[in-house]
């Protein structure tokens, strides 16, 4: 296994290579103390998916052209724990007027490989992308931009759902990051596996304290 140093950058195409993915997911497993590849792979994809869609969602929210999300046109900055810190445009890349359809192609190239390496189901990995789009859209102050992007990507990508509690908007998640299966970790406040009433009560307390 080749170790990754802080600030390492790789082409987006690396995310389609099973050997490279297996090494990064193994790094993530070591970081979280789990030898379960489904858990470490799901955690890895939660982070990678969020970084991958962030520049696109931000552009949609700001009403400007989105950067080209073709894997050959992006660089991924990798952390020592194997996670994707951020996604940057490669030299010579350009804004892509059909960024949603290109993003769909990129996701269709990556997700089957992550599923193969980790053992996670493809539908669950697509659901993670939908929730990531929703969260990044909320961060950008435009939940509707997340809905619009997801509809334009379409295919197997669900449209993110939202709920308003105590004056704050949250994603009504359809995906689970499996963090609670890692040693010493608990279920997320917004986890869809929580009973709905319990989840809404916890999110309401969170909103009231923010």
N, C-alpha and C. Protein backbone atom coordinates (compact mmCIF):
# COMPACT_ATOMS: atom_id res chain seq x y z
N UNK A 1 0.84 -1.20 0.00
CA UNK A 1 0.00 0.00 0.00
C UNK A 1 0.87 1.24 0.00
N UNK A 2 0.54 2.21 -0.86
CA UNK A 2 1.28 3.45 -0.96
C UNK A 2 0.64 4.48 -0.04
N UNK A 3 1.41 5.03 0.90
CA UNK A 3 0.89 6.03 1.84
C UNK A 3 0.65 7.35 1.12
N UNK A 4 -0.31 8.11 1.62
CA UNK A 4 -0.64 9.41 1.05
C UNK A 4 -0.20 10.49 2.03
N UNK A 5 0.52 11.48 1.54
CA UNK A 5 0.93 12.60 2.38
C UNK A 5 -0.07 13.74 2.23
N UNK A 6 -0.10 14.63 3.21
CA UNK A 6 -1.03 15.76 3.20
C UNK A 6 -0.83 16.59 1.94
N UNK A 7 -1.93 16.97 1.31
CA UNK A 7 -1.88 17.82 0.13
C UNK A 7 -1.67 17.08 -1.18
N UNK A 8 -1.59 15.75 -1.15
CA UNK A 8 -1.44 14.98 -2.38
C UNK A 8 -2.62 15.24 -3.31
N UNK A 9 -2.33 15.45 -4.58
CA UNK A 9 -3.38 15.66 -5.57
C UNK A 9 -3.32 14.57 -6.62
N UNK A 10 -4.50 14.07 -6.99
CA UNK A 10 -4.59 13.05 -8.03
C UNK A 10 -5.69 13.45 -9.00
N UNK A 11 -5.60 12.94 -10.20
CA UNK A 11 -6.66 13.18 -11.18
C UNK A 11 -7.96 12.55 -10.70
N UNK A 12 -9.08 13.14 -11.06
CA UNK A 12 -10.37 12.57 -10.71
C UNK A 12 -10.54 11.16 -11.22
N UNK A 13 -9.80 10.80 -12.26
CA UNK A 13 -9.89 9.45 -12.83
C UNK A 13 -9.47 8.40 -11.80
N UNK A 14 -8.65 8.79 -10.83
CA UNK A 14 -8.20 7.84 -9.80
C UNK A 14 -9.38 7.25 -9.04
N UNK A 15 -10.47 8.00 -8.96
CA UNK A 15 -11.64 7.54 -8.22
C UNK A 15 -12.35 6.37 -8.90
N UNK A 16 -11.92 6.03 -10.10
CA UNK A 16 -12.51 4.89 -10.82
C UNK A 16 -11.61 3.66 -10.77
N UNK A 17 -10.45 3.77 -10.16
CA UNK A 17 -9.48 2.68 -10.16
C UNK A 17 -9.61 1.86 -8.88
N UNK A 18 -9.97 0.61 -9.03
CA UNK A 18 -10.31 -0.21 -7.87
C UNK A 18 -9.14 -0.38 -6.90
N UNK A 19 -7.93 -0.55 -7.41
CA UNK A 19 -6.78 -0.72 -6.52
C UNK A 19 -6.55 0.53 -5.69
N UNK A 20 -6.61 1.69 -6.33
CA UNK A 20 -6.42 2.96 -5.63
C UNK A 20 -7.54 3.16 -4.61
N UNK A 21 -8.78 2.89 -5.01
CA UNK A 21 -9.90 3.03 -4.09
C UNK A 21 -9.74 2.11 -2.88
N UNK A 22 -9.33 0.87 -3.14
CA UNK A 22 -9.17 -0.08 -2.04
C UNK A 22 -8.15 0.43 -1.03
N UNK A 23 -7.07 1.03 -1.50
CA UNK A 23 -6.05 1.56 -0.60
C UNK A 23 -6.58 2.74 0.21
N UNK A 24 -7.33 3.64 -0.45
CA UNK A 24 -7.84 4.81 0.26
C UNK A 24 -8.93 4.42 1.26
N UNK A 25 -9.76 3.47 0.89
CA UNK A 25 -10.81 3.00 1.81
C UNK A 25 -10.19 2.27 2.99
N UNK A 26 -9.12 1.53 2.73
CA UNK A 26 -8.39 0.89 3.83
C UNK A 26 -7.78 1.94 4.76
N UNK A 27 -7.24 3.02 4.19
CA UNK A 27 -6.72 4.12 5.00
C UNK A 27 -7.83 4.68 5.89
N UNK A 28 -9.01 4.85 5.31
CA UNK A 28 -10.14 5.39 6.06
C UNK A 28 -10.52 4.44 7.19
N UNK A 29 -10.49 3.14 6.92
CA UNK A 29 -10.80 2.16 7.94
C UNK A 29 -9.84 2.22 9.10
N UNK A 30 -8.56 2.39 8.80
CA UNK A 30 -7.55 2.51 9.86
C UNK A 30 -7.84 3.76 10.71
N UNK A 31 -8.18 4.86 10.03
CA UNK A 31 -8.45 6.11 10.73
C UNK A 31 -9.64 5.99 11.68
N UNK A 32 -10.67 5.25 11.25
CA UNK A 32 -11.89 5.12 12.05
C UNK A 32 -11.88 3.85 12.91
N UNK A 33 -10.84 3.06 12.81
CA UNK A 33 -10.73 1.88 13.66
C UNK A 33 -11.67 0.75 13.29
N UNK A 34 -12.00 0.65 12.01
CA UNK A 34 -12.89 -0.42 11.58
C UNK A 34 -12.27 -1.21 10.45
N UNK A 35 -12.40 -2.53 10.51
CA UNK A 35 -11.93 -3.38 9.43
C UNK A 35 -13.04 -3.79 8.50
N UNK A 36 -14.23 -3.21 8.70
CA UNK A 36 -15.38 -3.50 7.85
C UNK A 36 -15.35 -2.59 6.63
N UNK A 37 -15.09 -3.14 5.47
CA UNK A 37 -14.92 -2.30 4.27
C UNK A 37 -16.22 -1.60 3.87
N UNK A 38 -17.37 -2.20 4.21
CA UNK A 38 -18.63 -1.53 3.90
C UNK A 38 -18.76 -0.25 4.71
N UNK A 39 -18.35 -0.29 5.97
CA UNK A 39 -18.40 0.90 6.81
C UNK A 39 -17.38 1.93 6.35
N UNK A 40 -16.13 1.51 6.21
CA UNK A 40 -15.09 2.46 5.81
C UNK A 40 -15.33 3.01 4.41
N UNK A 41 -15.84 2.15 3.51
CA UNK A 41 -16.13 2.61 2.16
C UNK A 41 -17.27 3.61 2.11
N UNK A 42 -18.28 3.38 2.95
CA UNK A 42 -19.41 4.31 3.00
C UNK A 42 -18.97 5.65 3.59
N UNK A 43 -18.17 5.62 4.66
CA UNK A 43 -17.65 6.86 5.23
C UNK A 43 -16.79 7.60 4.20
N UNK A 44 -15.95 6.84 3.49
CA UNK A 44 -15.10 7.46 2.48
C UNK A 44 -15.94 8.14 1.40
N UNK A 45 -17.00 7.46 0.95
CA UNK A 45 -17.82 8.01 -0.12
C UNK A 45 -18.62 9.22 0.36
N UNK A 46 -19.06 9.23 1.60
CA UNK A 46 -19.75 10.41 2.13
C UNK A 46 -18.88 11.65 1.98
N UNK A 47 -17.61 11.52 2.31
CA UNK A 47 -16.69 12.65 2.22
C UNK A 47 -16.35 12.98 0.77
N UNK A 48 -16.08 11.95 -0.02
CA UNK A 48 -15.70 12.17 -1.41
C UNK A 48 -16.85 12.78 -2.21
N UNK A 49 -18.05 12.25 -2.01
CA UNK A 49 -19.21 12.76 -2.76
C UNK A 49 -19.46 14.22 -2.43
N UNK A 50 -19.34 14.57 -1.15
CA UNK A 50 -19.56 15.96 -0.75
C UNK A 50 -18.55 16.89 -1.41
N UNK A 51 -17.30 16.47 -1.44
CA UNK A 51 -16.25 17.29 -2.07
C UNK A 51 -16.46 17.39 -3.57
N UNK A 52 -16.91 16.30 -4.19
CA UNK A 52 -17.07 16.27 -5.63
C UNK A 52 -18.18 17.20 -6.10
N UNK A 53 -19.29 17.24 -5.36
CA UNK A 53 -20.43 18.03 -5.83
C UNK A 53 -20.41 19.47 -5.31
N UNK A 54 -19.56 19.75 -4.32
CA UNK A 54 -19.57 21.07 -3.71
C UNK A 54 -19.39 22.22 -4.71
N UNK A 55 -18.38 22.18 -5.61
CA UNK A 55 -18.24 23.31 -6.54
C UNK A 55 -19.44 23.47 -7.47
N UNK A 56 -20.10 22.36 -7.82
CA UNK A 56 -21.25 22.43 -8.72
C UNK A 56 -22.44 23.05 -8.00
N UNK A 57 -22.70 22.57 -6.79
CA UNK A 57 -23.83 23.10 -6.02
C UNK A 57 -23.64 24.59 -5.74
N UNK A 58 -22.43 24.96 -5.36
CA UNK A 58 -22.15 26.37 -5.07
C UNK A 58 -22.41 27.25 -6.29
N UNK A 59 -21.98 26.78 -7.46
CA UNK A 59 -22.22 27.54 -8.69
C UNK A 59 -23.71 27.66 -8.98
N UNK A 60 -24.45 26.59 -8.81
CA UNK A 60 -25.90 26.63 -9.01
C UNK A 60 -26.55 27.62 -8.05
N UNK A 61 -26.12 27.59 -6.80
CA UNK A 61 -26.71 28.48 -5.79
C UNK A 61 -26.42 29.94 -6.10
N UNK A 62 -25.27 30.19 -6.70
CA UNK A 62 -24.86 31.57 -7.01
C UNK A 62 -25.29 32.00 -8.40
N UNK A 63 -25.93 31.12 -9.14
CA UNK A 63 -26.43 31.47 -10.46
C UNK A 63 -25.35 31.71 -11.49
N UNK A 64 -24.24 30.99 -11.36
CA UNK A 64 -23.15 31.16 -12.34
C UNK A 64 -22.81 29.81 -12.96
N UNK A 65 -22.10 29.81 -14.10
CA UNK A 65 -21.74 28.54 -14.74
C UNK A 65 -20.92 27.66 -13.81
N UNK A 66 -21.21 26.37 -13.84
CA UNK A 66 -20.50 25.43 -12.96
C UNK A 66 -19.23 24.94 -13.63
N UNK A 67 -18.19 24.63 -12.84
CA UNK A 67 -16.96 24.08 -13.41
C UNK A 67 -17.21 22.69 -13.98
N UNK A 68 -16.39 22.33 -14.94
CA UNK A 68 -16.51 21.04 -15.61
C UNK A 68 -16.24 19.91 -14.62
N UNK A 69 -17.23 19.02 -14.37
CA UNK A 69 -17.02 17.93 -13.42
C UNK A 69 -16.55 16.62 -14.05
N UNK A 70 -16.13 16.68 -15.33
CA UNK A 70 -15.56 15.47 -15.93
C UNK A 70 -14.32 15.06 -15.14
N UNK A 71 -14.15 13.78 -14.90
CA UNK A 71 -13.08 13.32 -14.03
C UNK A 71 -11.70 13.70 -14.57
N UNK A 72 -11.59 13.80 -15.87
CA UNK A 72 -10.31 14.19 -16.47
C UNK A 72 -10.03 15.68 -16.27
N UNK A 73 -11.03 16.43 -15.83
CA UNK A 73 -10.91 17.87 -15.70
C UNK A 73 -10.85 18.35 -14.26
N UNK A 74 -10.72 17.42 -13.30
CA UNK A 74 -10.63 17.82 -11.90
C UNK A 74 -9.45 17.14 -11.22
N UNK A 75 -8.97 17.78 -10.16
CA UNK A 75 -7.95 17.22 -9.29
C UNK A 75 -8.55 17.02 -7.90
N UNK A 76 -8.23 15.91 -7.28
CA UNK A 76 -8.72 15.63 -5.94
C UNK A 76 -7.55 15.75 -4.96
N UNK A 77 -7.73 16.58 -3.94
CA UNK A 77 -6.73 16.71 -2.90
C UNK A 77 -7.03 15.66 -1.83
N UNK A 78 -6.08 14.78 -1.57
CA UNK A 78 -6.30 13.64 -0.69
C UNK A 78 -5.63 13.85 0.66
N UNK A 79 -6.37 13.51 1.70
CA UNK A 79 -5.83 13.60 3.06
C UNK A 79 -5.08 12.32 3.41
N UNK A 80 -4.23 12.35 4.44
CA UNK A 80 -3.51 11.14 4.87
C UNK A 80 -4.44 10.00 5.29
N UNK A 81 -5.69 10.32 5.71
CA UNK A 81 -6.61 9.25 6.10
C UNK A 81 -7.35 8.66 4.90
N UNK A 82 -6.95 9.09 3.68
CA UNK A 82 -7.55 8.55 2.46
C UNK A 82 -8.72 9.34 1.94
N UNK A 83 -9.26 10.25 2.74
CA UNK A 83 -10.42 11.02 2.33
C UNK A 83 -10.09 12.08 1.29
N UNK A 84 -11.12 12.49 0.55
CA UNK A 84 -10.98 13.57 -0.43
C UNK A 84 -11.25 14.89 0.28
N UNK A 85 -10.23 15.72 0.41
CA UNK A 85 -10.36 17.00 1.11
C UNK A 85 -11.17 17.98 0.29
N UNK A 86 -10.82 18.11 -0.98
CA UNK A 86 -11.55 19.02 -1.87
C UNK A 86 -11.25 18.65 -3.31
N UNK A 87 -12.10 19.16 -4.20
CA UNK A 87 -11.95 18.90 -5.62
C UNK A 87 -11.71 20.22 -6.32
N UNK A 88 -10.67 20.27 -7.12
CA UNK A 88 -10.23 21.49 -7.78
C UNK A 88 -10.25 21.32 -9.30
N UNK A 89 -10.47 22.40 -10.05
CA UNK A 89 -10.38 22.29 -11.50
C UNK A 89 -8.95 22.04 -11.95
N UNK A 90 -8.77 21.15 -12.89
CA UNK A 90 -7.44 20.91 -13.44
C UNK A 90 -7.04 22.07 -14.33
N UNK A 91 -5.74 22.21 -14.55
CA UNK A 91 -5.26 23.27 -15.42
C UNK A 91 -5.89 23.12 -16.80
N UNK A 92 -6.40 24.23 -17.31
CA UNK A 92 -7.00 24.20 -18.65
C UNK A 92 -8.46 23.78 -18.67
N UNK A 93 -9.04 23.47 -17.49
CA UNK A 93 -10.46 23.11 -17.46
C UNK A 93 -11.30 24.36 -17.66
N UNK A 94 -12.59 24.18 -17.89
CA UNK A 94 -13.46 25.29 -18.23
C UNK A 94 -14.83 25.08 -17.60
N UNK A 95 -15.64 26.14 -17.63
CA UNK A 95 -17.01 25.99 -17.17
C UNK A 95 -17.75 25.14 -18.19
N UNK A 96 -18.65 24.30 -17.68
CA UNK A 96 -19.34 23.33 -18.53
C UNK A 96 -20.84 23.64 -18.55
N UNK A 97 -21.38 24.09 -19.69
CA UNK A 97 -22.80 24.44 -19.75
C UNK A 97 -23.73 23.26 -19.48
N UNK A 98 -23.25 22.05 -19.65
CA UNK A 98 -24.05 20.86 -19.38
C UNK A 98 -23.45 20.10 -18.19
N UNK A 99 -23.12 20.85 -17.15
CA UNK A 99 -22.42 20.26 -16.02
C UNK A 99 -23.22 19.15 -15.34
N UNK A 100 -24.56 19.26 -15.32
CA UNK A 100 -25.37 18.23 -14.65
C UNK A 100 -25.23 16.89 -15.35
N UNK A 101 -25.30 16.88 -16.68
CA UNK A 101 -25.19 15.62 -17.40
C UNK A 101 -23.77 15.06 -17.30
N UNK A 102 -22.77 15.95 -17.27
CA UNK A 102 -21.39 15.50 -17.12
C UNK A 102 -21.18 14.94 -15.71
N UNK A 103 -21.77 15.58 -14.72
CA UNK A 103 -21.67 15.08 -13.34
C UNK A 103 -22.30 13.70 -13.24
N UNK A 104 -23.43 13.51 -13.90
CA UNK A 104 -24.07 12.19 -13.89
C UNK A 104 -23.12 11.13 -14.46
N UNK A 105 -22.46 11.45 -15.55
CA UNK A 105 -21.51 10.51 -16.15
C UNK A 105 -20.37 10.20 -15.19
N UNK A 106 -19.85 11.24 -14.53
CA UNK A 106 -18.76 11.03 -13.57
C UNK A 106 -19.20 10.12 -12.43
N UNK A 107 -20.39 10.36 -11.90
CA UNK A 107 -20.90 9.53 -10.81
C UNK A 107 -21.13 8.10 -11.27
N UNK A 108 -21.60 7.94 -12.49
CA UNK A 108 -21.83 6.60 -13.03
C UNK A 108 -20.51 5.85 -13.23
N UNK A 109 -19.42 6.57 -13.37
CA UNK A 109 -18.11 5.93 -13.50
C UNK A 109 -17.55 5.55 -12.13
N UNK A 110 -17.84 6.35 -11.12
CA UNK A 110 -17.24 6.13 -9.80
C UNK A 110 -18.02 5.14 -8.95
N UNK A 111 -19.32 5.32 -8.86
CA UNK A 111 -20.12 4.58 -7.88
C UNK A 111 -20.02 3.06 -8.03
N UNK A 112 -20.08 2.50 -9.24
CA UNK A 112 -19.94 1.04 -9.33
C UNK A 112 -18.59 0.54 -8.80
N UNK A 113 -17.55 1.33 -8.96
CA UNK A 113 -16.24 0.92 -8.47
C UNK A 113 -16.18 0.98 -6.94
N UNK A 114 -16.77 2.02 -6.35
CA UNK A 114 -16.82 2.11 -4.89
C UNK A 114 -17.63 0.94 -4.33
N UNK A 115 -18.74 0.62 -5.00
CA UNK A 115 -19.58 -0.50 -4.56
C UNK A 115 -18.81 -1.81 -4.63
N UNK A 116 -18.06 -2.00 -5.70
CA UNK A 116 -17.30 -3.24 -5.88
C UNK A 116 -16.24 -3.39 -4.79
N UNK A 117 -15.54 -2.31 -4.49
CA UNK A 117 -14.45 -2.37 -3.51
C UNK A 117 -14.98 -2.51 -2.09
N UNK A 118 -16.05 -1.79 -1.76
CA UNK A 118 -16.51 -1.71 -0.38
C UNK A 118 -17.58 -2.72 -0.01
N UNK A 119 -18.35 -3.16 -1.00
CA UNK A 119 -19.48 -4.03 -0.70
C UNK A 119 -20.75 -3.26 -0.39
N UNK A 120 -20.70 -1.93 -0.44
CA UNK A 120 -21.90 -1.11 -0.24
C UNK A 120 -22.78 -1.20 -1.49
N UNK A 121 -24.07 -1.08 -1.31
CA UNK A 121 -24.99 -1.14 -2.43
C UNK A 121 -24.99 0.15 -3.24
N UNK A 122 -25.10 0.03 -4.54
CA UNK A 122 -25.11 1.23 -5.38
C UNK A 122 -26.25 2.18 -5.03
N UNK A 123 -27.48 1.70 -4.78
CA UNK A 123 -28.54 2.65 -4.42
C UNK A 123 -28.20 3.47 -3.19
N UNK A 124 -27.54 2.85 -2.20
CA UNK A 124 -27.18 3.60 -0.99
C UNK A 124 -26.12 4.65 -1.31
N UNK A 125 -25.24 4.36 -2.24
CA UNK A 125 -24.20 5.33 -2.62
C UNK A 125 -24.80 6.51 -3.39
N UNK A 126 -25.80 6.23 -4.23
CA UNK A 126 -26.51 7.32 -4.92
C UNK A 126 -27.27 8.17 -3.90
N UNK A 127 -27.88 7.54 -2.91
CA UNK A 127 -28.60 8.29 -1.88
C UNK A 127 -27.68 9.22 -1.12
N UNK A 128 -26.45 8.78 -0.88
CA UNK A 128 -25.46 9.62 -0.21
C UNK A 128 -25.20 10.89 -1.02
N UNK A 129 -25.13 10.75 -2.33
CA UNK A 129 -24.91 11.92 -3.19
C UNK A 129 -26.07 12.90 -3.06
N UNK A 130 -27.29 12.38 -3.06
CA UNK A 130 -28.47 13.25 -2.94
C UNK A 130 -28.43 14.05 -1.64
N UNK A 131 -28.12 13.37 -0.54
CA UNK A 131 -28.06 14.08 0.74
C UNK A 131 -26.90 15.08 0.77
N UNK A 132 -25.78 14.72 0.13
CA UNK A 132 -24.65 15.65 0.07
C UNK A 132 -25.03 16.91 -0.72
N UNK A 133 -25.73 16.73 -1.82
CA UNK A 133 -26.19 17.88 -2.60
C UNK A 133 -27.10 18.76 -1.75
N UNK A 134 -28.02 18.13 -1.01
CA UNK A 134 -28.92 18.90 -0.16
C UNK A 134 -28.17 19.69 0.90
N UNK A 135 -27.23 19.06 1.56
CA UNK A 135 -26.48 19.75 2.61
C UNK A 135 -25.63 20.89 2.07
N UNK A 136 -24.97 20.66 0.93
CA UNK A 136 -24.16 21.72 0.36
C UNK A 136 -25.03 22.88 -0.14
N UNK A 137 -26.24 22.57 -0.61
CA UNK A 137 -27.16 23.62 -1.05
C UNK A 137 -27.61 24.46 0.14
N UNK A 138 -27.88 23.81 1.28
CA UNK A 138 -28.24 24.56 2.49
C UNK A 138 -27.08 25.45 2.91
N UNK A 139 -25.86 24.91 2.87
CA UNK A 139 -24.67 25.70 3.23
C UNK A 139 -24.56 26.93 2.34
N UNK A 140 -24.95 26.77 1.07
CA UNK A 140 -24.85 27.88 0.12
C UNK A 140 -26.06 28.82 0.19
N UNK A 141 -27.02 28.48 1.06
CA UNK A 141 -28.18 29.35 1.25
C UNK A 141 -29.24 29.23 0.19
N UNK A 142 -29.28 28.08 -0.52
CA UNK A 142 -30.25 27.93 -1.61
C UNK A 142 -30.63 26.46 -1.77
N UNK A 143 -31.51 25.99 -0.91
CA UNK A 143 -31.93 24.58 -0.97
C UNK A 143 -32.52 24.25 -2.34
N UNK A 144 -33.22 25.22 -2.94
CA UNK A 144 -33.83 24.95 -4.25
C UNK A 144 -32.79 24.66 -5.32
N UNK A 145 -31.58 25.20 -5.16
CA UNK A 145 -30.51 24.92 -6.13
C UNK A 145 -30.12 23.45 -6.08
N UNK A 146 -30.15 22.86 -4.90
CA UNK A 146 -29.86 21.43 -4.77
C UNK A 146 -30.91 20.58 -5.44
N UNK A 147 -32.17 20.95 -5.26
CA UNK A 147 -33.26 20.22 -5.91
C UNK A 147 -33.13 20.31 -7.43
N UNK A 148 -32.82 21.51 -7.91
CA UNK A 148 -32.71 21.71 -9.36
C UNK A 148 -31.56 20.90 -9.94
N UNK A 149 -30.42 20.93 -9.27
CA UNK A 149 -29.27 20.16 -9.76
C UNK A 149 -29.59 18.68 -9.80
N UNK A 150 -30.17 18.15 -8.75
CA UNK A 150 -30.47 16.72 -8.69
C UNK A 150 -31.44 16.32 -9.80
N UNK A 151 -32.43 17.15 -10.06
CA UNK A 151 -33.39 16.84 -11.13
C UNK A 151 -32.69 16.84 -12.50
N UNK A 152 -31.75 17.75 -12.67
CA UNK A 152 -31.03 17.82 -13.95
C UNK A 152 -30.07 16.64 -14.10
N UNK A 153 -29.48 16.19 -13.01
CA UNK A 153 -28.61 15.01 -13.06
C UNK A 153 -29.45 13.77 -13.33
N UNK A 154 -30.53 13.61 -12.55
CA UNK A 154 -31.51 12.52 -12.72
C UNK A 154 -30.83 11.15 -12.76
N UNK A 155 -31.29 10.27 -13.65
CA UNK A 155 -30.79 8.91 -13.64
C UNK A 155 -31.17 8.24 -12.33
N UNK A 156 -30.21 7.67 -11.64
CA UNK A 156 -30.45 6.97 -10.38
C UNK A 156 -30.33 7.89 -9.16
N UNK A 157 -30.11 9.17 -9.41
CA UNK A 157 -29.94 10.11 -8.30
C UNK A 157 -31.29 10.59 -7.77
N UNK A 158 -31.60 10.33 -6.49
CA UNK A 158 -32.83 10.88 -5.91
C UNK A 158 -32.72 12.40 -5.74
N UNK A 159 -33.86 13.05 -5.62
CA UNK A 159 -33.89 14.48 -5.33
C UNK A 159 -33.83 14.67 -3.82
N UNK A 160 -32.94 15.52 -3.31
CA UNK A 160 -32.87 15.71 -1.86
C UNK A 160 -34.18 16.27 -1.31
N UNK A 161 -34.48 15.89 -0.07
CA UNK A 161 -35.68 16.36 0.61
C UNK A 161 -35.27 17.23 1.79
N UNK A 162 -36.12 18.16 2.13
CA UNK A 162 -35.80 19.12 3.20
C UNK A 162 -36.94 19.20 4.20
N UNK A 163 -36.60 19.61 5.42
CA UNK A 163 -37.59 19.85 6.45
C UNK A 163 -37.19 21.08 7.23
N UNK A 164 -38.16 21.87 7.64
CA UNK A 164 -37.90 23.08 8.42
C UNK A 164 -38.32 22.84 9.87
N UNK A 165 -37.39 23.05 10.78
CA UNK A 165 -37.64 22.84 12.20
C UNK A 165 -37.05 24.02 12.97
N UNK A 166 -37.89 24.65 13.77
CA UNK A 166 -37.45 25.78 14.61
C UNK A 166 -36.73 26.85 13.80
N UNK A 167 -37.24 27.11 12.60
CA UNK A 167 -36.70 28.18 11.77
C UNK A 167 -35.42 27.84 11.03
N UNK A 168 -35.07 26.57 11.02
CA UNK A 168 -33.84 26.16 10.32
C UNK A 168 -34.16 25.01 9.37
N UNK A 169 -33.51 25.01 8.23
CA UNK A 169 -33.74 23.97 7.22
C UNK A 169 -32.70 22.87 7.36
N UNK A 170 -33.19 21.63 7.35
CA UNK A 170 -32.32 20.46 7.40
C UNK A 170 -32.66 19.55 6.22
N UNK A 171 -31.67 18.74 5.83
CA UNK A 171 -31.94 17.68 4.85
C UNK A 171 -32.67 16.55 5.57
N UNK A 172 -33.78 16.11 4.99
CA UNK A 172 -34.44 14.91 5.51
C UNK A 172 -33.76 13.72 4.83
N UNK A 173 -32.78 13.21 5.51
CA UNK A 173 -31.84 12.28 4.87
C UNK A 173 -32.49 10.96 4.46
N UNK A 174 -31.95 10.43 3.37
CA UNK A 174 -32.36 9.11 2.90
C UNK A 174 -31.17 8.16 2.92
N UNK A 175 -30.03 8.63 3.38
CA UNK A 175 -28.82 7.80 3.40
C UNK A 175 -28.25 7.72 4.81
N UNK A 176 -27.49 6.65 5.06
CA UNK A 176 -26.82 6.47 6.34
C UNK A 176 -25.32 6.33 6.09
N UNK A 177 -24.53 7.09 6.85
CA UNK A 177 -23.07 7.06 6.68
C UNK A 177 -22.43 5.87 7.39
N UNK A 178 -23.21 5.16 8.24
CA UNK A 178 -22.74 3.99 8.99
C UNK A 178 -21.70 4.33 10.05
N UNK A 179 -21.56 5.61 10.39
CA UNK A 179 -20.54 5.98 11.37
C UNK A 179 -20.79 5.28 12.72
N UNK A 180 -22.06 5.01 13.04
CA UNK A 180 -22.35 4.39 14.33
C UNK A 180 -21.82 2.97 14.43
N UNK A 181 -21.42 2.37 13.29
CA UNK A 181 -20.83 1.04 13.31
C UNK A 181 -19.33 1.07 13.57
N UNK A 182 -18.75 2.27 13.57
CA UNK A 182 -17.33 2.40 13.89
C UNK A 182 -17.16 2.43 15.40
N UNK A 183 -16.06 1.89 15.92
CA UNK A 183 -15.85 1.84 17.38
C UNK A 183 -15.94 3.21 18.03
N UNK A 184 -16.72 3.31 19.10
CA UNK A 184 -16.81 4.53 19.88
C UNK A 184 -17.66 5.63 19.27
N UNK A 185 -18.35 5.35 18.18
CA UNK A 185 -19.15 6.37 17.50
C UNK A 185 -20.64 6.13 17.71
N UNK A 186 -21.42 7.19 17.60
CA UNK A 186 -22.85 7.12 17.78
C UNK A 186 -23.57 7.48 16.48
N UNK A 187 -24.85 7.19 16.45
CA UNK A 187 -25.68 7.52 15.29
C UNK A 187 -25.81 9.04 15.14
N UNK A 188 -25.76 9.53 13.92
CA UNK A 188 -25.91 10.96 13.66
C UNK A 188 -27.28 11.46 14.13
N UNK A 189 -27.33 12.72 14.49
CA UNK A 189 -28.59 13.31 14.91
C UNK A 189 -29.66 13.19 13.83
N UNK A 190 -29.27 13.37 12.57
CA UNK A 190 -30.23 13.37 11.46
C UNK A 190 -30.34 12.01 10.78
N UNK A 191 -29.78 10.97 11.38
CA UNK A 191 -29.77 9.65 10.72
C UNK A 191 -31.20 9.18 10.42
N UNK A 192 -31.45 8.71 9.20
CA UNK A 192 -32.80 8.24 8.85
C UNK A 192 -33.19 6.95 9.58
N UNK A 193 -32.22 6.31 10.23
CA UNK A 193 -32.53 5.10 10.98
C UNK A 193 -33.10 5.41 12.36
N UNK A 194 -33.04 6.67 12.79
CA UNK A 194 -33.68 7.06 14.04
C UNK A 194 -35.20 7.11 13.83
N UNK A 195 -36.00 6.83 14.85
CA UNK A 195 -37.44 7.07 14.74
C UNK A 195 -37.69 8.53 14.39
N UNK A 196 -38.65 8.79 13.52
CA UNK A 196 -38.88 10.14 13.01
C UNK A 196 -39.09 11.17 14.12
N UNK A 197 -39.91 10.82 15.13
CA UNK A 197 -40.19 11.77 16.20
C UNK A 197 -38.92 12.09 16.99
N UNK A 198 -38.13 11.06 17.25
CA UNK A 198 -36.87 11.26 17.98
C UNK A 198 -35.92 12.15 17.19
N UNK A 199 -35.83 11.89 15.88
CA UNK A 199 -34.93 12.67 15.03
C UNK A 199 -35.37 14.14 14.97
N UNK A 200 -36.67 14.37 14.78
CA UNK A 200 -37.16 15.75 14.68
C UNK A 200 -36.97 16.50 16.00
N UNK A 201 -37.15 15.81 17.12
CA UNK A 201 -36.95 16.44 18.42
C UNK A 201 -35.49 16.84 18.60
N UNK A 202 -34.59 15.95 18.22
CA UNK A 202 -33.16 16.24 18.35
C UNK A 202 -32.74 17.40 17.43
N UNK A 203 -33.26 17.41 16.21
CA UNK A 203 -32.93 18.49 15.28
C UNK A 203 -33.53 19.81 15.73
N UNK A 204 -34.70 19.76 16.33
CA UNK A 204 -35.32 20.99 16.85
C UNK A 204 -34.47 21.58 17.97
N UNK A 205 -33.96 20.70 18.84
CA UNK A 205 -33.08 21.19 19.92
C UNK A 205 -31.80 21.78 19.32
N UNK A 206 -31.28 21.13 18.28
CA UNK A 206 -30.07 21.63 17.63
C UNK A 206 -30.33 23.00 17.00
N UNK A 207 -31.48 23.16 16.34
CA UNK A 207 -31.81 24.42 15.70
C UNK A 207 -31.99 25.52 16.74
N UNK A 208 -32.63 25.19 17.85
CA UNK A 208 -32.89 26.18 18.88
C UNK A 208 -31.60 26.66 19.54
N UNK A 209 -30.59 25.78 19.54
CA UNK A 209 -29.33 26.15 20.18
C UNK A 209 -28.33 26.76 19.24
N UNK A 210 -28.66 26.81 17.94
CA UNK A 210 -27.69 27.34 16.95
C UNK A 210 -27.71 28.84 16.88
